[in-house]
Amino acid sequence: MLAIAVCDDDQPFLQIVCQKIRHFFKAAQIAIEDTYFSQSRDLLREVTYGKRYDLVLLDIEMPGHSGLDIAKAVHEKLPNCLIAFLTSHSEYAIDAYELSVFRYIPKCELDRRLEPALTDALRILQIEENQSYIFKGINHGLLRVPYREIVYINKSNRNSYFHLLSQKVYAQRKPLKDVYEELCSEDFLLIDRGYIVNILHIMRLENGNAVCRDGTRIKISRPNLPVIQEQLCKYWSSNL
């Protein structure tokens, strides 16, 4: 079940968005838990106290906490959550994109833009559900982390340490070789006996090192260097 939140202080517009979202997911036969907020402080409180959402749609200019404020809080607490802005204020578009929002939808184009945005969001969320690593034992529970959030993994003693874009680090008591087999994805490169790196987050190769998005430099073993160079060139070329 997908958890969706929408926040807009214009209540008639909020009701219209509510109806369109429910109609879309009913037609797609996808179960959702949808929550609608006319006060930005209420959504901020929910996020602050640990409520999980997969998709959040926000107006930008609201009394109290603006949509940009809410987006920053969501991004910090829920780095995997997709954020879209529903707004009449195009002058905020640049600020919105700097927050890595998923989509910017002008209210005057709601009928044309909302359904394609929901279609793309659903596709991304379904892919992430299938392309995620499940951590067991985190706070005595389970945690699903999409592959795209993993920058690199290193081994230390009997543990494998996952370093995420959010700068969080999670440990699994498994050999690195076992983790590599569980990932089962061409996006993860075993560049050394002690390191697995997500090709998505390799920014460049320099002096025999893979330089990651977060600035980490990881030495590539000499036998692996030509293979890593070839895989990286192929990946970059396919994404031009």
C-alpha atoms as a PDB file:
ATOM      1  CA  MET A   1       0.000   0.000   0.000  1.00  0.00           C
ATOM      2  CA  LEU A   2       1.318   3.433  -0.980  1.00  0.00           C
ATOM      3  CA  ALA A   3       1.168   6.274   1.530  1.00  0.00           C
ATOM      4  CA  ILE A   4       0.355   9.644  -0.060  1.00  0.00           C
ATOM      5  CA  ALA A   5       0.024  13.093   1.507  1.00  0.00           C
ATOM      6  CA  VAL A   6      -1.279  16.288  -0.087  1.00  0.00           C
ATOM      7  CA  CYS A   7      -1.036  19.700   1.580  1.00  0.00           C
ATOM      8  CA  ASP A   8      -2.739  22.873   0.320  1.00  0.00           C
ATOM      9  CA  ASP A   9      -4.455  25.662   2.231  1.00  0.00           C
ATOM     10  CA  ASP A  10      -6.968  26.119  -0.626  1.00  0.00           C
ATOM     11  CA  GLN A  11      -9.550  23.581   0.542  1.00  0.00           C
ATOM     12  CA  PRO A  12     -11.715  23.483  -2.635  1.00  0.00           C
ATOM     13  CA  PHE A  13      -8.589  22.807  -4.697  1.00  0.00           C
ATOM     14  CA  LEU A  14      -7.470  20.222  -2.144  1.00  0.00           C
ATOM     15  CA  GLN A  15     -10.754  18.358  -2.617  1.00  0.00           C
ATOM     16  CA  ILE A  16     -10.304  18.338  -6.388  1.00  0.00           C
ATOM     17  CA  VAL A  17      -6.787  16.899  -6.066  1.00  0.00           C
ATOM     18  CA  CYS A  18      -8.085  14.329  -3.582  1.00  0.00           C
ATOM     19  CA  GLN A  19     -10.725  13.110  -6.035  1.00  0.00           C
ATOM     20  CA  LYS A  20      -8.290  12.917  -8.958  1.00  0.00           C
ATOM     21  CA  ILE A  21      -5.682  10.989  -6.964  1.00  0.00           C
ATOM     22  CA  ARG A  22      -8.229   8.473  -5.666  1.00  0.00           C
ATOM     23  CA  HIS A  23      -9.695   8.010  -9.136  1.00  0.00           C
ATOM     24  CA  PHE A  24      -6.236   7.431 -10.652  1.00  0.00           C
ATOM     25  CA  PHE A  25      -5.142   4.775  -8.172  1.00  0.00           C
ATOM     26  CA  LYS A  26      -8.536   3.069  -8.170  1.00  0.00           C
ATOM     27  CA  ALA A  27      -8.303   2.736 -11.950  1.00  0.00           C
ATOM     28  CA  ALA A  28      -4.739   1.416 -11.581  1.00  0.00           C
ATOM     29  CA  GLN A  29      -5.969  -1.066  -8.927  1.00  0.00           C
ATOM     30  CA  ILE A  30      -3.341   0.166  -6.464  1.00  0.00           C
ATOM     31  CA  ALA A  31      -4.213   0.408  -2.771  1.00  0.00           C
ATOM     32  CA  ILE A  32      -3.307   3.729  -1.175  1.00  0.00           C
ATOM     33  CA  GLU A  33      -3.469   5.402   2.209  1.00  0.00           C
ATOM     34  CA  ASP A  34      -4.089   9.053   1.367  1.00  0.00           C
ATOM     35  CA  THR A  35      -4.035  11.916   3.850  1.00  0.00           C
ATOM     36  CA  TYR A  36      -4.942  15.510   3.073  1.00  0.00           C
ATOM     37  CA  PHE A  37      -3.794  18.569   5.019  1.00  0.00           C
ATOM     38  CA  SER A  38      -5.050  22.155   4.797  1.00  0.00           C
ATOM     39  CA  GLN A  39      -2.556  23.263   7.473  1.00  0.00           C
ATOM     40  CA  SER A  40       1.128  22.839   6.710  1.00  0.00           C
ATOM     41  CA  ARG A  41       1.979  22.539  10.402  1.00  0.00           C
ATOM     42  CA  ASP A  42      -0.100  19.357  10.628  1.00  0.00           C
ATOM     43  CA  LEU A  43       1.864  17.625   7.874  1.00  0.00           C
ATOM     44  CA  LEU A  44       5.145  18.855   9.336  1.00  0.00           C
ATOM     45  CA  ARG A  45       4.186  17.358  12.702  1.00  0.00           C
ATOM     46  CA  GLU A  46       3.339  14.001  11.118  1.00  0.00           C
ATOM     47  CA  VAL A  47       6.665  13.858   9.277  1.00  0.00           C
ATOM     48  CA  THR A  48       8.640  15.022  12.319  1.00  0.00           C
ATOM     49  CA  TYR A  49       7.135  12.260  14.472  1.00  0.00           C
ATOM     50  CA  GLY A  50       7.977   9.520  12.016  1.00  0.00           C
ATOM     51  CA  LYS A  51       4.998   9.135   9.691  1.00  0.00           C
ATOM     52  CA  ARG A  52       6.165   7.497   6.444  1.00  0.00           C
ATOM     53  CA  TYR A  53       5.007   8.679   3.025  1.00  0.00           C
ATOM     54  CA  ASP A  54       5.929   7.441  -0.436  1.00  0.00           C
ATOM     55  CA  LEU A  55       4.654  10.519  -2.268  1.00  0.00           C
ATOM     56  CA  VAL A  56       3.969  14.045  -1.008  1.00  0.00           C
ATOM     57  CA  LEU A  57       2.300  16.783  -3.057  1.00  0.00           C
ATOM     58  CA  LEU A  58       2.662  20.322  -1.739  1.00  0.00           C
ATOM     59  CA  ASP A  59       1.546  23.843  -2.437  1.00  0.00           C
ATOM     60  CA  ILE A  60       4.544  26.142  -2.142  1.00  0.00           C
ATOM     61  CA  GLU A  61       3.076  29.353  -0.721  1.00  0.00           C
ATOM     62  CA  MET A  62       1.103  28.601   2.434  1.00  0.00           C
ATOM     63  CA  PRO A  63       0.693  30.463   5.726  1.00  0.00           C
ATOM     64  CA  GLY A  64       3.043  29.357   8.475  1.00  0.00           C
ATOM     65  CA  HIS A  65       5.379  26.767   7.043  1.00  0.00           C
ATOM     66  CA  SER A  66       5.793  27.071   3.282  1.00  0.00           C
ATOM     67  CA  GLY A  67       5.885  24.126   0.923  1.00  0.00           C
ATOM     68  CA  LEU A  68       9.642  24.623   0.621  1.00  0.00           C
ATOM     69  CA  ASP A  69       9.946  24.277   4.409  1.00  0.00           C
ATOM     70  CA  ILE A  70       7.911  21.077   4.361  1.00  0.00           C
ATOM     71  CA  ALA A  71       9.920  19.701   1.438  1.00  0.00           C
ATOM     72  CA  LYS A  72      13.178  20.242   3.322  1.00  0.00           C
ATOM     73  CA  ALA A  73      11.806  18.379   6.349  1.00  0.00           C
ATOM     74  CA  VAL A  74      10.494  15.525   4.189  1.00  0.00           C
ATOM     75  CA  HIS A  75      13.805  15.268   2.350  1.00  0.00           C
ATOM     76  CA  GLU A  76      15.664  15.047   5.672  1.00  0.00           C
ATOM     77  CA  LYS A  77      13.340  12.555   7.367  1.00  0.00           C
ATOM     78  CA  LEU A  78      12.249  10.559   4.301  1.00  0.00           C
ATOM     79  CA  PRO A  79      15.039  10.680   1.705  1.00  0.00           C
ATOM     80  CA  ASN A  80      13.257   8.093  -0.462  1.00  0.00           C
ATOM     81  CA  CYS A  81       9.951   9.977  -0.593  1.00  0.00           C
ATOM     82  CA  LEU A  82       8.954  11.563  -3.912  1.00  0.00           C
ATOM     83  CA  ILE A  83       8.012  15.241  -3.613  1.00  0.00           C
ATOM     84  CA  ALA A  84       5.879  17.164  -6.117  1.00  0.00           C
ATOM     85  CA  PHE A  85       4.789  20.786  -5.991  1.00  0.00           C
ATOM     86  CA  LEU A  86       1.257  21.850  -6.939  1.00  0.00           C
ATOM     87  CA  THR A  87       1.390  25.616  -7.174  1.00  0.00           C
ATOM     88  CA  SER A  88       0.499  28.800  -9.004  1.00  0.00           C
ATOM     89  CA  HIS A  89       3.843  30.401  -8.193  1.00  0.00           C
ATOM     90  CA  SER A  90       6.269  29.621 -11.022  1.00  0.00           C
ATOM     91  CA  GLU A  91       8.900  31.960  -9.564  1.00  0.00           C
ATOM     92  CA  TYR A  92       9.673  29.263  -6.983  1.00  0.00           C
ATOM     93  CA  ALA A  93      10.477  26.619  -9.591  1.00  0.00           C
ATOM     94  CA  ILE A  94      14.247  27.014  -9.326  1.00  0.00           C
ATOM     95  CA  ASP A  95      14.158  26.673  -5.530  1.00  0.00           C
ATOM     96  CA  ALA A  96      11.952  23.613  -5.917  1.00  0.00           C
ATOM     97  CA  TYR A  97      14.341  21.858  -8.265  1.00  0.00           C
ATOM     98  CA  GLU A  98      17.256  22.599  -5.948  1.00  0.00           C
ATOM     99  CA  LEU A  99      15.431  20.436  -3.388  1.00  0.00           C
ATOM    100  CA  SER A 100      15.507  17.522  -5.875  1.00  0.00           C
ATOM    101  CA  VAL A 101      11.730  17.467  -6.139  1.00  0.00           C
ATOM    102  CA  PHE A 102      10.206  14.844  -8.384  1.00  0.00           C
ATOM    103  CA  ARG A 103       7.823  17.114 -10.310  1.00  0.00           C
ATOM    104  CA  TYR A 104       6.600  20.716 -10.502  1.00  0.00           C
ATOM    105  CA  ILE A 105       2.913  20.963 -11.548  1.00  0.00           C
ATOM    106  CA  PRO A 106       1.297  24.378 -12.198  1.00  0.00           C
ATOM    107  CA  LYS A 107      -2.222  24.407 -10.770  1.00  0.00           C
ATOM    108  CA  CYS A 108      -3.592  25.899 -13.974  1.00  0.00           C
ATOM    109  CA  GLU A 109      -2.426  22.740 -15.795  1.00  0.00           C
ATOM    110  CA  LEU A 110      -3.623  20.240 -13.199  1.00  0.00           C
ATOM    111  CA  ASP A 111      -5.852  18.295 -15.609  1.00  0.00           C
ATOM    112  CA  ARG A 112      -3.003  17.839 -18.074  1.00  0.00           C
ATOM    113  CA  ARG A 113      -0.060  17.359 -15.695  1.00  0.00           C
ATOM    114  CA  LEU A 114      -1.308  15.439 -12.648  1.00  0.00           C
ATOM    115  CA  GLU A 115      -2.079  12.059 -14.209  1.00  0.00           C
ATOM    116  CA  PRO A 116       1.282  11.762 -16.071  1.00  0.00           C
ATOM    117  CA  ALA A 117       3.046  12.743 -12.837  1.00  0.00           C
ATOM    118  CA  LEU A 118       1.193  10.058 -10.871  1.00  0.00           C
ATOM    119  CA  THR A 119       1.964   7.520 -13.604  1.00  0.00           C
ATOM    120  CA  ASP A 120       5.689   8.292 -13.417  1.00  0.00           C
ATOM    121  CA  ALA A 121       5.666   8.289  -9.613  1.00  0.00           C
ATOM    122  CA  LEU A 122       3.968   4.884  -9.546  1.00  0.00           C
ATOM    123  CA  ARG A 123       6.530   3.488 -11.993  1.00  0.00           C
ATOM    124  CA  ILE A 124       9.437   4.764  -9.892  1.00  0.00           C
ATOM    125  CA  LEU A 125       7.952   3.455  -6.639  1.00  0.00           C
ATOM    126  CA  GLN A 126       7.276   0.030  -8.137  1.00  0.00           C
ATOM    127  CA  ILE A 127      10.830  -0.189  -9.480  1.00  0.00           C
ATOM    128  CA  GLU A 128      12.226   0.792  -6.087  1.00  0.00           C
ATOM    129  CA  GLU A 129      10.106  -1.828  -4.374  1.00  0.00           C
ATOM    130  CA  ASN A 130      11.741  -4.494  -6.539  1.00  0.00           C
ATOM    131  CA  GLN A 131      15.202  -2.918  -6.445  1.00  0.00           C
ATOM    132  CA  SER A 132      15.765  -2.508  -2.748  1.00  0.00           C
ATOM    133  CA  TYR A 133      17.901  -4.097  -0.063  1.00  0.00           C
ATOM    134  CA  ILE A 134      16.131  -5.363   3.036  1.00  0.00           C
ATOM    135  CA  PHE A 135      17.942  -4.839   6.323  1.00  0.00           C
ATOM    136  CA  LYS A 136      16.965  -7.170   9.123  1.00  0.00           C
ATOM    137  CA  GLY A 137      17.418  -6.307  12.753  1.00  0.00           C
ATOM    138  CA  ILE A 138      17.465  -2.501  12.377  1.00  0.00           C
ATOM    139  CA  ASN A 139      15.762  -1.332  15.589  1.00  0.00           C
ATOM    140  CA  HIS A 140      14.443  -4.890  15.936  1.00  0.00           C
ATOM    141  CA  GLY A 141      12.546  -4.644  12.649  1.00  0.00           C
ATOM    142  CA  LEU A 142      12.929  -4.472   8.878  1.00  0.00           C
ATOM    143  CA  LEU A 143      14.130  -1.595   6.721  1.00  0.00           C
ATOM    144  CA  ARG A 144      13.857  -1.342   2.926  1.00  0.00           C
ATOM    145  CA  VAL A 145      16.474   0.851   1.223  1.00  0.00           C
ATOM    146  CA  PRO A 146      16.244   1.481  -2.550  1.00  0.00           C
ATOM    147  CA  TYR A 147      19.415   0.628  -4.434  1.00  0.00           C
ATOM    148  CA  ARG A 148      19.763   4.209  -5.653  1.00  0.00           C
ATOM    149  CA  GLU A 149      20.282   5.373  -2.050  1.00  0.00           C
ATOM    150  CA  ILE A 150      23.321   3.110  -1.555  1.00  0.00           C
ATOM    151  CA  VAL A 151      26.613   4.815  -2.461  1.00  0.00           C
ATOM    152  CA  TYR A 152      29.027   2.047  -1.472  1.00  0.00           C
ATOM    153  CA  ILE A 153      29.462  -0.912   0.854  1.00  0.00           C
ATOM    154  CA  ASN A 154      32.628  -1.898   2.661  1.00  0.00           C
ATOM    155  CA  LYS A 155      33.578  -4.796   4.897  1.00  0.00           C
ATOM    156  CA  SER A 156      35.080  -4.594   8.348  1.00  0.00           C
ATOM    157  CA  ASN A 157      35.635  -7.687  10.451  1.00  0.00           C
ATOM    158  CA  ARG A 158      32.462  -9.771  10.006  1.00  0.00           C
ATOM    159  CA  ASN A 159      30.196  -6.893   9.031  1.00  0.00           C
ATOM    160  CA  SER A 160      29.268  -5.210   5.758  1.00  0.00           C
ATOM    161  CA  TYR A 161      28.638  -1.465   6.113  1.00  0.00           C
ATOM    162  CA  PHE A 162      26.178   0.283   3.762  1.00  0.00           C
ATOM    163  CA  HIS A 163      26.912   3.987   3.202  1.00  0.00           C
ATOM    164  CA  LEU A 164      23.835   5.901   2.006  1.00  0.00           C
ATOM    165  CA  LEU A 165      23.283   9.232   0.252  1.00  0.00           C
ATOM    166  CA  SER A 166      21.710  10.494   3.476  1.00  0.00           C
ATOM    167  CA  GLN A 167      25.113   9.842   5.147  1.00  0.00           C
ATOM    168  CA  LYS A 168      23.531   7.170   7.310  1.00  0.00           C
ATOM    169  CA  VAL A 169      25.458   3.913   7.696  1.00  0.00           C
ATOM    170  CA  TYR A 170      23.776   0.553   8.289  1.00  0.00           C
ATOM    171  CA  ALA A 171      25.597  -2.647   9.192  1.00  0.00           C
ATOM    172  CA  GLN A 172      24.725  -6.188   8.204  1.00  0.00           C
ATOM    173  CA  ARG A 173      26.477  -9.114   9.844  1.00  0.00           C
ATOM    174  CA  LYS A 174      27.260 -10.781   6.524  1.00  0.00           C
ATOM    175  CA  PRO A 175      30.366 -11.280   4.390  1.00  0.00           C
ATOM    176  CA  LEU A 176      30.688  -8.794   1.543  1.00  0.00           C
ATOM    177  CA  LYS A 177      30.577 -11.649  -0.970  1.00  0.00           C
ATOM    178  CA  ASP A 178      27.139 -12.711   0.300  1.00  0.00           C
ATOM    179  CA  VAL A 179      25.855  -9.133   0.130  1.00  0.00           C
ATOM    180  CA  TYR A 180      27.101  -8.815  -3.465  1.00  0.00           C
ATOM    181  CA  GLU A 181      25.201 -11.944  -4.459  1.00  0.00           C
ATOM    182  CA  GLU A 182      22.038 -10.705  -2.718  1.00  0.00           C
ATOM    183  CA  LEU A 183      22.135  -7.385  -4.563  1.00  0.00           C
ATOM    184  CA  CYS A 184      22.084  -9.232  -7.901  1.00  0.00           C
ATOM    185  CA  SER A 185      22.349  -6.011  -9.920  1.00  0.00           C
ATOM    186  CA  GLU A 186      24.765  -4.897 -12.626  1.00  0.00           C
ATOM    187  CA  ASP A 187      24.762  -1.436 -11.046  1.00  0.00           C
ATOM    188  CA  PHE A 188      26.943  -2.662  -8.183  1.00  0.00           C
ATOM    189  CA  LEU A 189      30.628  -3.146  -8.934  1.00  0.00           C
ATOM    190  CA  LEU A 190      32.969  -5.213  -6.783  1.00  0.00           C
ATOM    191  CA  ILE A 191      35.978  -2.954  -7.303  1.00  0.00           C
ATOM    192  CA  ASP A 192      38.103  -4.490  -4.574  1.00  0.00           C
ATOM    193  CA  ARG A 193      37.834  -7.394  -2.149  1.00  0.00           C
ATOM    194  CA  GLY A 194      36.662  -4.940   0.498  1.00  0.00           C
ATOM    195  CA  TYR A 195      34.375  -2.597  -1.472  1.00  0.00           C
ATOM    196  CA  ILE A 196      31.204  -2.649  -3.554  1.00  0.00           C
ATOM    197  CA  VAL A 197      30.307   0.640  -5.286  1.00  0.00           C
ATOM    198  CA  ASN A 198      27.045   1.720  -6.916  1.00  0.00           C
ATOM    199  CA  ILE A 199      27.949   2.746 -10.470  1.00  0.00           C
ATOM    200  CA  LEU A 200      25.223   5.415 -10.291  1.00  0.00           C
ATOM    201  CA  HIS A 201      27.320   7.327  -7.751  1.00  0.00           C
ATOM    202  CA  ILE A 202      30.769   7.085  -9.358  1.00  0.00           C
ATOM    203  CA  MET A 203      31.580  10.593 -10.568  1.00  0.00           C
ATOM    204  CA  ARG A 204      35.000   9.872 -12.060  1.00  0.00           C
ATOM    205  CA  LEU A 205      38.057   7.618 -12.005  1.00  0.00           C
ATOM    206  CA  GLU A 206      41.204   9.330 -10.867  1.00  0.00           C
ATOM    207  CA  ASN A 207      44.674   7.878 -10.224  1.00  0.00           C
ATOM    208  CA  GLY A 208      43.240   4.398  -9.849  1.00  0.00           C
ATOM    209  CA  ASN A 209      40.472   5.558  -7.495  1.00  0.00           C
ATOM    210  CA  ALA A 210      36.714   5.669  -7.887  1.00  0.00           C
ATOM    211  CA  VAL A 211      35.548   9.092  -6.691  1.00  0.00           C
ATOM    212  CA  CYS A 212      31.988   8.824  -5.371  1.00  0.00           C
ATOM    213  CA  ARG A 213      29.213  11.397  -5.285  1.00  0.00           C
ATOM    214  CA  ASP A 214      29.779  11.979  -1.555  1.00  0.00           C
ATOM    215  CA  GLY A 215      33.497  12.632  -2.105  1.00  0.00           C
ATOM    216  CA  THR A 216      34.706   9.213  -0.932  1.00  0.00           C
ATOM    217  CA  ARG A 217      37.737   7.919  -2.849  1.00  0.00           C
ATOM    218  CA  ILE A 218      37.995   4.142  -3.138  1.00  0.00           C
ATOM    219  CA  LYS A 219      41.063   2.387  -4.502  1.00  0.00           C
ATOM    220  CA  ILE A 220      40.365   0.031  -7.404  1.00  0.00           C
ATOM    221  CA  SER A 221      42.477  -3.106  -7.442  1.00  0.00           C
ATOM    222  CA  ARG A 222      44.879  -3.164 -10.405  1.00  0.00           C
ATOM    223  CA  PRO A 223      43.361  -6.314 -12.019  1.00  0.00           C
ATOM    224  CA  ASN A 224      39.865  -4.797 -11.803  1.00  0.00           C
ATOM    225  CA  LEU A 225      40.741  -1.356 -13.196  1.00  0.00           C
ATOM    226  CA  PRO A 226      40.338  -2.114 -16.953  1.00  0.00           C
ATOM    227  CA  VAL A 227      37.037  -3.914 -16.294  1.00  0.00           C
ATOM    228  CA  ILE A 228      35.690  -1.051 -14.164  1.00  0.00           C
ATOM    229  CA  GLN A 229      36.728   1.498 -16.810  1.00  0.00           C
ATOM    230  CA  GLU A 230      34.900  -0.457 -19.514  1.00  0.00           C
ATOM    231  CA  GLN A 231      31.734  -0.880 -17.415  1.00  0.00           C
ATOM    232  CA  LEU A 232      31.706   2.790 -16.453  1.00  0.00           C
ATOM    233  CA  CYS A 233      32.148   3.957 -20.064  1.00  0.00           C
ATOM    234  CA  LYS A 234      29.325   1.670 -21.165  1.00  0.00           C
ATOM    235  CA  TYR A 235      27.047   2.938 -18.379  1.00  0.00           C
ATOM    236  CA  TRP A 236      27.763   6.619 -19.054  1.00  0.00           C
ATOM    237  CA  SER A 237      27.286   6.166 -22.803  1.00  0.00           C
ATOM    238  CA  SER A 238      23.929   4.487 -22.340  1.00  0.00           C
ATOM    239  CA  ASN A 239      22.699   7.366 -20.166  1.00  0.00           C
ATOM    240  CA  LEU A 240      23.664  10.262 -22.430  1.00  0.00           C
END
